[in-house]
Amino acid sequence: MKSLTSLIVAATFFCGTLSIAAAEDQVVVIQDLSRSELRKEIVLIEQELYQMFNDNNSAVELEIKCEVLTRTGSHIPAQACEPKFMRDARAQNAADSQFGIQTLIQDSKLRQYYAGDYEKLTVAMEDLAKVNGNFSQLVMILNKLNARLAQLER
């Protein structure tokens, strides 16, 4: 199977199905991908999307980094992507907790506290999508892949 990252980023709708035209005139129909294939493609598209964002973004705190992590209680590694401001906040929170300055704050509370920064990130991504057609198409493809995966996991 051709990786979506090697595809020309050109998506077309026909018969209600999202298809992506490949460089060798091969068409990959998202509905034909298995859950495993969808997950692999989502990881690749996320990496490409965030790299493109980082390359076009001047605000260091908005830089997005992806890592493969194995969550507590799981043996399945998964990609986790987050902006620098959130990585820094989590590290500071852990250090403050370790030294008794404050109690450890849950991630959901940290995300709420940094909602304004997430809004800045959203605006920066929306602005890039307006001026960069490739970025916009990657976002659209990623959304379709995620929607299809959610549909299969119901």
N, C-alpha and C. Protein backbone atom coordinates (compact mmCIF):
# COMPACT_ATOMS: atom_id res chain seq x y z
N MET A 1 0.85 -1.19 0.00
CA MET A 1 0.00 0.00 0.00
C MET A 1 0.88 1.23 0.00
N LYS A 2 0.59 2.15 -0.86
CA LYS A 2 1.30 3.42 -0.95
C LYS A 2 1.01 4.26 0.28
N SER A 3 2.00 4.85 0.87
CA SER A 3 1.79 5.73 2.01
C SER A 3 1.15 7.02 1.55
N LEU A 4 0.24 7.55 2.35
CA LEU A 4 -0.41 8.80 1.98
C LEU A 4 0.59 9.94 1.89
N THR A 5 1.69 9.85 2.63
CA THR A 5 2.66 10.94 2.57
C THR A 5 3.37 10.96 1.24
N SER A 6 3.36 9.86 0.50
CA SER A 6 3.99 9.86 -0.82
C SER A 6 2.99 10.25 -1.90
N LEU A 7 1.78 10.51 -1.49
CA LEU A 7 0.75 10.89 -2.45
C LEU A 7 0.82 12.37 -2.75
N ILE A 8 0.39 12.71 -3.94
CA ILE A 8 0.19 14.12 -4.24
C ILE A 8 -0.98 14.56 -3.37
N VAL A 9 -0.82 15.66 -2.69
CA VAL A 9 -1.87 16.09 -1.78
C VAL A 9 -2.99 16.71 -2.61
N ALA A 10 -3.80 15.82 -3.18
CA ALA A 10 -4.94 16.25 -3.97
C ALA A 10 -6.09 15.34 -3.61
N ALA A 11 -7.12 15.86 -3.04
CA ALA A 11 -8.24 15.04 -2.62
C ALA A 11 -9.47 15.44 -3.42
N THR A 12 -10.22 14.45 -3.81
CA THR A 12 -11.44 14.72 -4.56
C THR A 12 -12.57 13.90 -3.96
N PHE A 13 -13.78 14.41 -4.06
CA PHE A 13 -14.95 13.68 -3.59
C PHE A 13 -15.69 13.16 -4.82
N PHE A 14 -16.01 11.88 -4.80
CA PHE A 14 -16.91 11.34 -5.81
C PHE A 14 -17.66 10.18 -5.19
N CYS A 15 -18.92 10.05 -5.54
CA CYS A 15 -19.79 9.00 -4.97
C CYS A 15 -19.79 9.06 -3.44
N GLY A 16 -19.63 10.23 -2.86
CA GLY A 16 -19.65 10.38 -1.42
C GLY A 16 -18.45 9.78 -0.70
N THR A 17 -17.41 9.43 -1.43
CA THR A 17 -16.24 8.78 -0.86
C THR A 17 -15.02 9.65 -1.10
N LEU A 18 -14.21 9.83 -0.06
CA LEU A 18 -12.98 10.59 -0.22
C LEU A 18 -11.92 9.67 -0.80
N SER A 19 -11.34 10.10 -1.89
CA SER A 19 -10.25 9.36 -2.51
C SER A 19 -9.09 10.30 -2.67
N ILE A 20 -7.90 9.75 -2.69
CA ILE A 20 -6.71 10.57 -2.80
C ILE A 20 -5.91 10.07 -3.99
N ALA A 21 -5.57 10.98 -4.90
CA ALA A 21 -4.85 10.59 -6.11
C ALA A 21 -3.37 10.40 -5.78
N ALA A 22 -2.85 9.25 -6.15
CA ALA A 22 -1.44 8.95 -5.90
C ALA A 22 -0.59 9.45 -7.03
N ALA A 23 0.71 9.54 -6.77
CA ALA A 23 1.65 10.05 -7.77
C ALA A 23 1.64 9.22 -9.04
N GLU A 24 1.41 7.89 -8.92
CA GLU A 24 1.41 7.03 -10.11
C GLU A 24 -0.01 6.79 -10.60
N ASP A 25 -0.90 7.76 -10.46
CA ASP A 25 -2.29 7.66 -10.87
C ASP A 25 -3.06 6.56 -10.15
N GLN A 26 -2.52 6.10 -9.03
CA GLN A 26 -3.22 5.14 -8.18
C GLN A 26 -4.15 5.93 -7.28
N VAL A 27 -5.33 5.41 -7.03
CA VAL A 27 -6.27 6.10 -6.15
C VAL A 27 -6.44 5.26 -4.88
N VAL A 28 -6.25 5.90 -3.74
CA VAL A 28 -6.45 5.25 -2.45
C VAL A 28 -7.78 5.74 -1.92
N VAL A 29 -8.70 4.83 -1.69
CA VAL A 29 -10.01 5.17 -1.16
C VAL A 29 -9.97 4.93 0.34
N ILE A 30 -10.21 5.99 1.09
CA ILE A 30 -10.11 5.92 2.54
C ILE A 30 -11.02 4.84 3.11
N GLN A 31 -12.21 4.66 2.53
CA GLN A 31 -13.14 3.65 3.02
C GLN A 31 -12.58 2.23 2.89
N ASP A 32 -11.58 2.03 2.04
CA ASP A 32 -10.99 0.70 1.84
C ASP A 32 -9.88 0.39 2.83
N LEU A 33 -9.44 1.38 3.62
CA LEU A 33 -8.35 1.17 4.56
C LEU A 33 -8.85 0.49 5.83
N SER A 34 -8.06 -0.44 6.35
CA SER A 34 -8.39 -1.09 7.61
C SER A 34 -8.08 -0.14 8.77
N ARG A 35 -8.52 -0.51 9.97
CA ARG A 35 -8.23 0.33 11.14
C ARG A 35 -6.72 0.47 11.34
N SER A 36 -6.00 -0.61 11.16
CA SER A 36 -4.54 -0.58 11.31
C SER A 36 -3.91 0.36 10.28
N GLU A 37 -4.35 0.25 9.04
CA GLU A 37 -3.81 1.12 7.99
C GLU A 37 -4.17 2.58 8.25
N LEU A 38 -5.39 2.82 8.72
CA LEU A 38 -5.80 4.19 9.05
C LEU A 38 -4.92 4.78 10.14
N ARG A 39 -4.68 4.01 11.20
CA ARG A 39 -3.84 4.51 12.30
C ARG A 39 -2.44 4.86 11.81
N LYS A 40 -1.86 4.00 10.97
CA LYS A 40 -0.52 4.25 10.44
C LYS A 40 -0.52 5.51 9.60
N GLU A 41 -1.53 5.69 8.77
CA GLU A 41 -1.59 6.87 7.91
C GLU A 41 -1.83 8.14 8.72
N ILE A 42 -2.63 8.04 9.77
CA ILE A 42 -2.87 9.19 10.65
C ILE A 42 -1.56 9.66 11.28
N VAL A 43 -0.76 8.72 11.75
CA VAL A 43 0.54 9.06 12.35
C VAL A 43 1.41 9.78 11.31
N LEU A 44 1.48 9.25 10.11
CA LEU A 44 2.31 9.86 9.06
C LEU A 44 1.81 11.24 8.67
N ILE A 45 0.51 11.39 8.51
CA ILE A 45 -0.06 12.68 8.12
C ILE A 45 0.13 13.69 9.24
N GLU A 46 -0.07 13.28 10.50
CA GLU A 46 0.17 14.20 11.63
C GLU A 46 1.61 14.70 11.63
N GLN A 47 2.55 13.78 11.45
CA GLN A 47 3.96 14.19 11.44
C GLN A 47 4.23 15.19 10.32
N GLU A 48 3.70 14.93 9.14
CA GLU A 48 3.90 15.83 8.01
C GLU A 48 3.22 17.17 8.24
N LEU A 49 2.00 17.13 8.77
CA LEU A 49 1.23 18.34 9.03
C LEU A 49 1.93 19.23 10.06
N TYR A 50 2.35 18.62 11.18
CA TYR A 50 2.99 19.40 12.24
C TYR A 50 4.37 19.90 11.82
N GLN A 51 5.08 19.13 11.02
CA GLN A 51 6.37 19.60 10.51
C GLN A 51 6.16 20.81 9.61
N MET A 52 5.14 20.75 8.75
CA MET A 52 4.83 21.88 7.88
C MET A 52 4.44 23.10 8.72
N PHE A 53 3.65 22.87 9.77
CA PHE A 53 3.27 23.97 10.65
C PHE A 53 4.50 24.58 11.32
N ASN A 54 5.35 23.71 11.89
CA ASN A 54 6.55 24.20 12.57
C ASN A 54 7.46 24.98 11.63
N ASP A 55 7.59 24.51 10.39
CA ASP A 55 8.44 25.18 9.40
C ASP A 55 7.91 26.56 9.03
N ASN A 56 6.61 26.77 9.16
CA ASN A 56 5.99 28.03 8.75
C ASN A 56 5.56 28.90 9.93
N ASN A 57 5.90 28.50 11.13
CA ASN A 57 5.48 29.20 12.34
C ASN A 57 6.70 29.85 13.01
N SER A 58 6.56 31.10 13.38
CA SER A 58 7.68 31.80 14.02
C SER A 58 7.59 31.81 15.54
N ALA A 59 6.44 31.44 16.09
CA ALA A 59 6.25 31.44 17.55
C ALA A 59 6.74 30.11 18.13
N VAL A 60 7.90 30.14 18.78
CA VAL A 60 8.52 28.92 19.30
C VAL A 60 7.60 28.18 20.26
N GLU A 61 6.84 28.90 21.09
CA GLU A 61 5.99 28.24 22.08
C GLU A 61 4.86 27.44 21.43
N LEU A 62 4.56 27.70 20.16
CA LEU A 62 3.51 26.97 19.46
C LEU A 62 4.03 25.75 18.70
N GLU A 63 5.35 25.57 18.68
CA GLU A 63 5.94 24.44 17.96
C GLU A 63 5.38 23.13 18.50
N ILE A 64 4.98 22.25 17.60
CA ILE A 64 4.38 20.97 17.99
C ILE A 64 5.39 19.86 17.80
N LYS A 65 5.49 19.03 18.82
CA LYS A 65 6.41 17.89 18.78
C LYS A 65 5.60 16.62 19.01
N CYS A 66 5.93 15.59 18.25
CA CYS A 66 5.26 14.30 18.40
C CYS A 66 6.25 13.28 18.96
N GLU A 67 5.75 12.47 19.89
CA GLU A 67 6.55 11.41 20.49
C GLU A 67 5.69 10.15 20.56
N VAL A 68 6.35 9.02 20.53
CA VAL A 68 5.65 7.76 20.71
C VAL A 68 5.77 7.40 22.19
N LEU A 69 4.61 7.27 22.84
CA LEU A 69 4.55 7.00 24.27
C LEU A 69 3.72 5.75 24.54
N THR A 70 4.02 5.07 25.61
CA THR A 70 3.19 3.98 26.09
C THR A 70 2.54 4.46 27.38
N ARG A 71 1.25 4.64 27.33
CA ARG A 71 0.50 5.17 28.47
C ARG A 71 0.51 4.19 29.64
N THR A 72 0.39 4.72 30.83
CA THR A 72 0.31 3.90 32.03
C THR A 72 -0.87 2.94 31.91
N GLY A 73 -0.61 1.66 32.20
CA GLY A 73 -1.67 0.66 32.11
C GLY A 73 -1.85 0.08 30.73
N SER A 74 -1.03 0.49 29.79
CA SER A 74 -1.14 -0.01 28.42
C SER A 74 0.22 -0.53 27.97
N HIS A 75 0.18 -1.45 27.06
CA HIS A 75 1.42 -1.95 26.46
C HIS A 75 1.50 -1.53 24.99
N ILE A 76 0.55 -0.70 24.58
CA ILE A 76 0.47 -0.29 23.18
C ILE A 76 1.03 1.12 23.03
N PRO A 77 2.14 1.25 22.31
CA PRO A 77 2.68 2.60 22.09
C PRO A 77 1.77 3.39 21.14
N ALA A 78 1.67 4.67 21.39
CA ALA A 78 0.84 5.55 20.56
C ALA A 78 1.55 6.89 20.41
N GLN A 79 1.32 7.53 19.28
CA GLN A 79 1.90 8.84 19.04
C GLN A 79 1.11 9.90 19.81
N ALA A 80 1.82 10.80 20.47
CA ALA A 80 1.21 11.92 21.18
C ALA A 80 1.89 13.19 20.70
N CYS A 81 1.11 14.14 20.22
CA CYS A 81 1.65 15.39 19.71
C CYS A 81 1.09 16.54 20.55
N GLU A 82 1.99 17.45 20.92
CA GLU A 82 1.53 18.60 21.69
C GLU A 82 2.48 19.78 21.50
N PRO A 83 1.94 20.98 21.73
CA PRO A 83 2.75 22.19 21.57
C PRO A 83 3.75 22.37 22.71
N LYS A 84 4.79 23.14 22.42
CA LYS A 84 5.85 23.38 23.39
C LYS A 84 5.32 23.98 24.70
N PHE A 85 4.37 24.90 24.61
CA PHE A 85 3.88 25.52 25.84
C PHE A 85 3.27 24.48 26.78
N MET A 86 2.66 23.44 26.24
CA MET A 86 2.07 22.41 27.08
C MET A 86 3.13 21.47 27.64
N ARG A 87 4.13 21.14 26.85
CA ARG A 87 5.24 20.31 27.35
C ARG A 87 5.96 21.03 28.48
N ASP A 88 6.19 22.33 28.29
CA ASP A 88 6.86 23.14 29.32
C ASP A 88 6.00 23.22 30.59
N ALA A 89 4.69 23.39 30.43
CA ALA A 89 3.79 23.49 31.58
C ALA A 89 3.78 22.18 32.37
N ARG A 90 3.74 21.07 31.65
CA ARG A 90 3.74 19.77 32.31
C ARG A 90 5.06 19.54 33.06
N ALA A 91 6.17 19.90 32.44
CA ALA A 91 7.48 19.74 33.09
C ALA A 91 7.57 20.63 34.33
N GLN A 92 7.12 21.87 34.24
CA GLN A 92 7.15 22.78 35.38
C GLN A 92 6.25 22.28 36.49
N ASN A 93 5.09 21.77 36.13
CA ASN A 93 4.15 21.23 37.10
C ASN A 93 4.77 20.04 37.84
N ALA A 94 5.42 19.16 37.11
CA ALA A 94 6.06 17.99 37.73
C ALA A 94 7.19 18.42 38.66
N ALA A 95 8.00 19.39 38.22
CA ALA A 95 9.10 19.88 39.07
C ALA A 95 8.56 20.55 40.32
N ASP A 96 7.54 21.38 40.17
CA ASP A 96 6.94 22.05 41.34
C ASP A 96 6.36 21.04 42.32
N SER A 97 5.76 20.00 41.80
CA SER A 97 5.19 18.96 42.65
C SER A 97 6.28 18.19 43.37
N GLN A 98 7.35 17.89 42.65
CA GLN A 98 8.46 17.13 43.23
C GLN A 98 9.11 17.89 44.38
N PHE A 99 9.21 19.21 44.25
CA PHE A 99 9.86 20.02 45.28
C PHE A 99 8.88 20.57 46.30
N GLY A 100 7.63 20.12 46.24
CA GLY A 100 6.63 20.50 47.24
C GLY A 100 6.09 21.90 47.11
N ILE A 101 6.31 22.55 45.96
CA ILE A 101 5.81 23.91 45.75
C ILE A 101 4.31 23.91 45.53
N GLN A 102 3.81 22.90 44.82
CA GLN A 102 2.38 22.76 44.60
C GLN A 102 2.08 21.28 44.36
N THR A 103 0.79 20.94 44.42
CA THR A 103 0.41 19.56 44.13
C THR A 103 0.38 19.35 42.62
N LEU A 104 0.50 18.11 42.22
CA LEU A 104 0.48 17.77 40.80
C LEU A 104 -0.90 18.07 40.23
N ILE A 105 -0.92 18.84 39.15
CA ILE A 105 -2.18 19.23 38.51
C ILE A 105 -2.48 18.26 37.37
N GLN A 106 -3.73 17.84 37.27
CA GLN A 106 -4.13 16.92 36.20
C GLN A 106 -3.99 17.62 34.84
N ASP A 107 -3.72 16.80 33.81
CA ASP A 107 -3.57 17.33 32.45
C ASP A 107 -4.80 18.12 32.01
N SER A 108 -5.99 17.64 32.34
CA SER A 108 -7.21 18.33 31.92
C SER A 108 -7.26 19.74 32.51
N LYS A 109 -6.80 19.89 33.75
CA LYS A 109 -6.77 21.22 34.38
C LYS A 109 -5.70 22.11 33.74
N LEU A 110 -4.56 21.51 33.40
CA LEU A 110 -3.52 22.27 32.71
C LEU A 110 -4.03 22.77 31.36
N ARG A 111 -4.73 21.90 30.63
CA ARG A 111 -5.28 22.31 29.33
C ARG A 111 -6.26 23.47 29.49
N GLN A 112 -7.07 23.42 30.54
CA GLN A 112 -8.01 24.51 30.80
C GLN A 112 -7.25 25.81 31.10
N TYR A 113 -6.21 25.70 31.91
CA TYR A 113 -5.42 26.87 32.26
C TYR A 113 -4.76 27.49 31.03
N TYR A 114 -4.35 26.65 30.08
CA TYR A 114 -3.68 27.13 28.87
C TYR A 114 -4.61 27.24 27.68
N ALA A 115 -5.90 27.39 27.93
CA ALA A 115 -6.89 27.50 26.86
C ALA A 115 -6.58 28.67 25.92
N GLY A 116 -6.11 29.77 26.46
CA GLY A 116 -5.74 30.93 25.63
C GLY A 116 -4.60 30.61 24.67
N ASP A 117 -3.63 29.83 25.14
CA ASP A 117 -2.52 29.43 24.28
C ASP A 117 -3.00 28.47 23.19
N TYR A 118 -3.91 27.57 23.56
CA TYR A 118 -4.48 26.67 22.56
C TYR A 118 -5.27 27.46 21.51
N GLU A 119 -5.92 28.53 21.94
CA GLU A 119 -6.64 29.38 20.99
C GLU A 119 -5.66 30.05 20.02
N LYS A 120 -4.52 30.52 20.54
CA LYS A 120 -3.49 31.10 19.67
C LYS A 120 -2.99 30.07 18.67
N LEU A 121 -2.81 28.83 19.12
CA LEU A 121 -2.37 27.75 18.24
C LEU A 121 -3.41 27.50 17.14
N THR A 122 -4.67 27.47 17.52
CA THR A 122 -5.75 27.26 16.55
C THR A 122 -5.76 28.37 15.51
N VAL A 123 -5.63 29.61 15.95
CA VAL A 123 -5.62 30.75 15.03
C VAL A 123 -4.42 30.66 14.09
N ALA A 124 -3.26 30.29 14.62
CA ALA A 124 -2.05 30.17 13.79
C ALA A 124 -2.23 29.08 12.73
N MET A 125 -2.85 27.97 13.11
CA MET A 125 -3.09 26.89 12.14
C MET A 125 -4.13 27.31 11.09
N GLU A 126 -5.17 27.98 11.54
CA GLU A 126 -6.19 28.46 10.59
C GLU A 126 -5.59 29.47 9.62
N ASP A 127 -4.74 30.36 10.12
CA ASP A 127 -4.09 31.35 9.26
C ASP A 127 -3.20 30.67 8.23
N LEU A 128 -2.45 29.65 8.64
CA LEU A 128 -1.59 28.92 7.71
C LEU A 128 -2.43 28.19 6.66
N ALA A 129 -3.55 27.61 7.08
CA ALA A 129 -4.42 26.90 6.14
C ALA A 129 -4.99 27.83 5.08
N LYS A 130 -5.19 29.11 5.44
CA LYS A 130 -5.72 30.09 4.48
C LYS A 130 -4.72 30.43 3.39
N VAL A 131 -3.43 30.38 3.71
CA VAL A 131 -2.41 30.81 2.74
C VAL A 131 -1.61 29.66 2.14
N ASN A 132 -1.74 28.47 2.71
CA ASN A 132 -0.95 27.32 2.25
C ASN A 132 -1.91 26.19 1.89
N GLY A 133 -2.12 26.01 0.60
CA GLY A 133 -3.05 24.99 0.12
C GLY A 133 -2.66 23.58 0.54
N ASN A 134 -1.37 23.28 0.55
CA ASN A 134 -0.93 21.94 0.96
C ASN A 134 -1.27 21.67 2.42
N PHE A 135 -1.06 22.67 3.26
CA PHE A 135 -1.40 22.51 4.69
C PHE A 135 -2.90 22.29 4.84
N SER A 136 -3.68 23.08 4.14
CA SER A 136 -5.13 22.97 4.20
C SER A 136 -5.59 21.58 3.76
N GLN A 137 -4.99 21.06 2.71
CA GLN A 137 -5.37 19.73 2.23
C GLN A 137 -4.94 18.64 3.20
N LEU A 138 -3.79 18.79 3.83
CA LEU A 138 -3.37 17.81 4.84
C LEU A 138 -4.35 17.80 6.01
N VAL A 139 -4.81 18.97 6.43
CA VAL A 139 -5.79 19.06 7.51
C VAL A 139 -7.07 18.33 7.10
N MET A 140 -7.52 18.55 5.88
CA MET A 140 -8.74 17.92 5.40
C MET A 140 -8.58 16.40 5.34
N ILE A 141 -7.45 15.93 4.86
CA ILE A 141 -7.20 14.48 4.78
C ILE A 141 -7.14 13.89 6.18
N LEU A 142 -6.45 14.55 7.10
CA LEU A 142 -6.35 14.06 8.47
C LEU A 142 -7.74 13.98 9.11
N ASN A 143 -8.57 14.98 8.89
CA ASN A 143 -9.93 14.97 9.43
C ASN A 143 -10.72 13.79 8.88
N LYS A 144 -10.59 13.53 7.59
CA LYS A 144 -11.31 12.41 6.97
C LYS A 144 -10.81 11.07 7.49
N LEU A 145 -9.49 10.94 7.65
CA LEU A 145 -8.93 9.70 8.19
C LEU A 145 -9.43 9.46 9.61
N ASN A 146 -9.40 10.49 10.44
CA ASN A 146 -9.88 10.37 11.82
C ASN A 146 -11.37 10.05 11.88
N ALA A 147 -12.14 10.68 11.01
CA ALA A 147 -13.58 10.41 10.98
C ALA A 147 -13.85 8.95 10.58
N ARG A 148 -13.12 8.46 9.61
CA ARG A 148 -13.30 7.07 9.18
C ARG A 148 -12.88 6.11 10.29
N LEU A 149 -11.79 6.40 10.98
CA LEU A 149 -11.35 5.54 12.08
C LEU A 149 -12.41 5.52 13.18
N ALA A 150 -12.95 6.67 13.52
CA ALA A 150 -14.01 6.74 14.55
C ALA A 150 -15.23 5.94 14.11
N GLN A 151 -15.55 6.00 12.84
CA GLN A 151 -16.69 5.25 12.30
C GLN A 151 -16.45 3.74 12.45
N LEU A 152 -15.24 3.29 12.18
CA LEU A 152 -14.92 1.86 12.28
C LEU A 152 -14.87 1.39 13.73
N GLU A 153 -14.57 2.29 14.66
CA GLU A 153 -14.42 1.90 16.06
C GLU A 153 -15.73 1.99 16.85
N ARG A 154 -16.81 2.38 16.19
CA ARG A 154 -18.10 2.44 16.87
C ARG A 154 -18.63 1.07 17.14
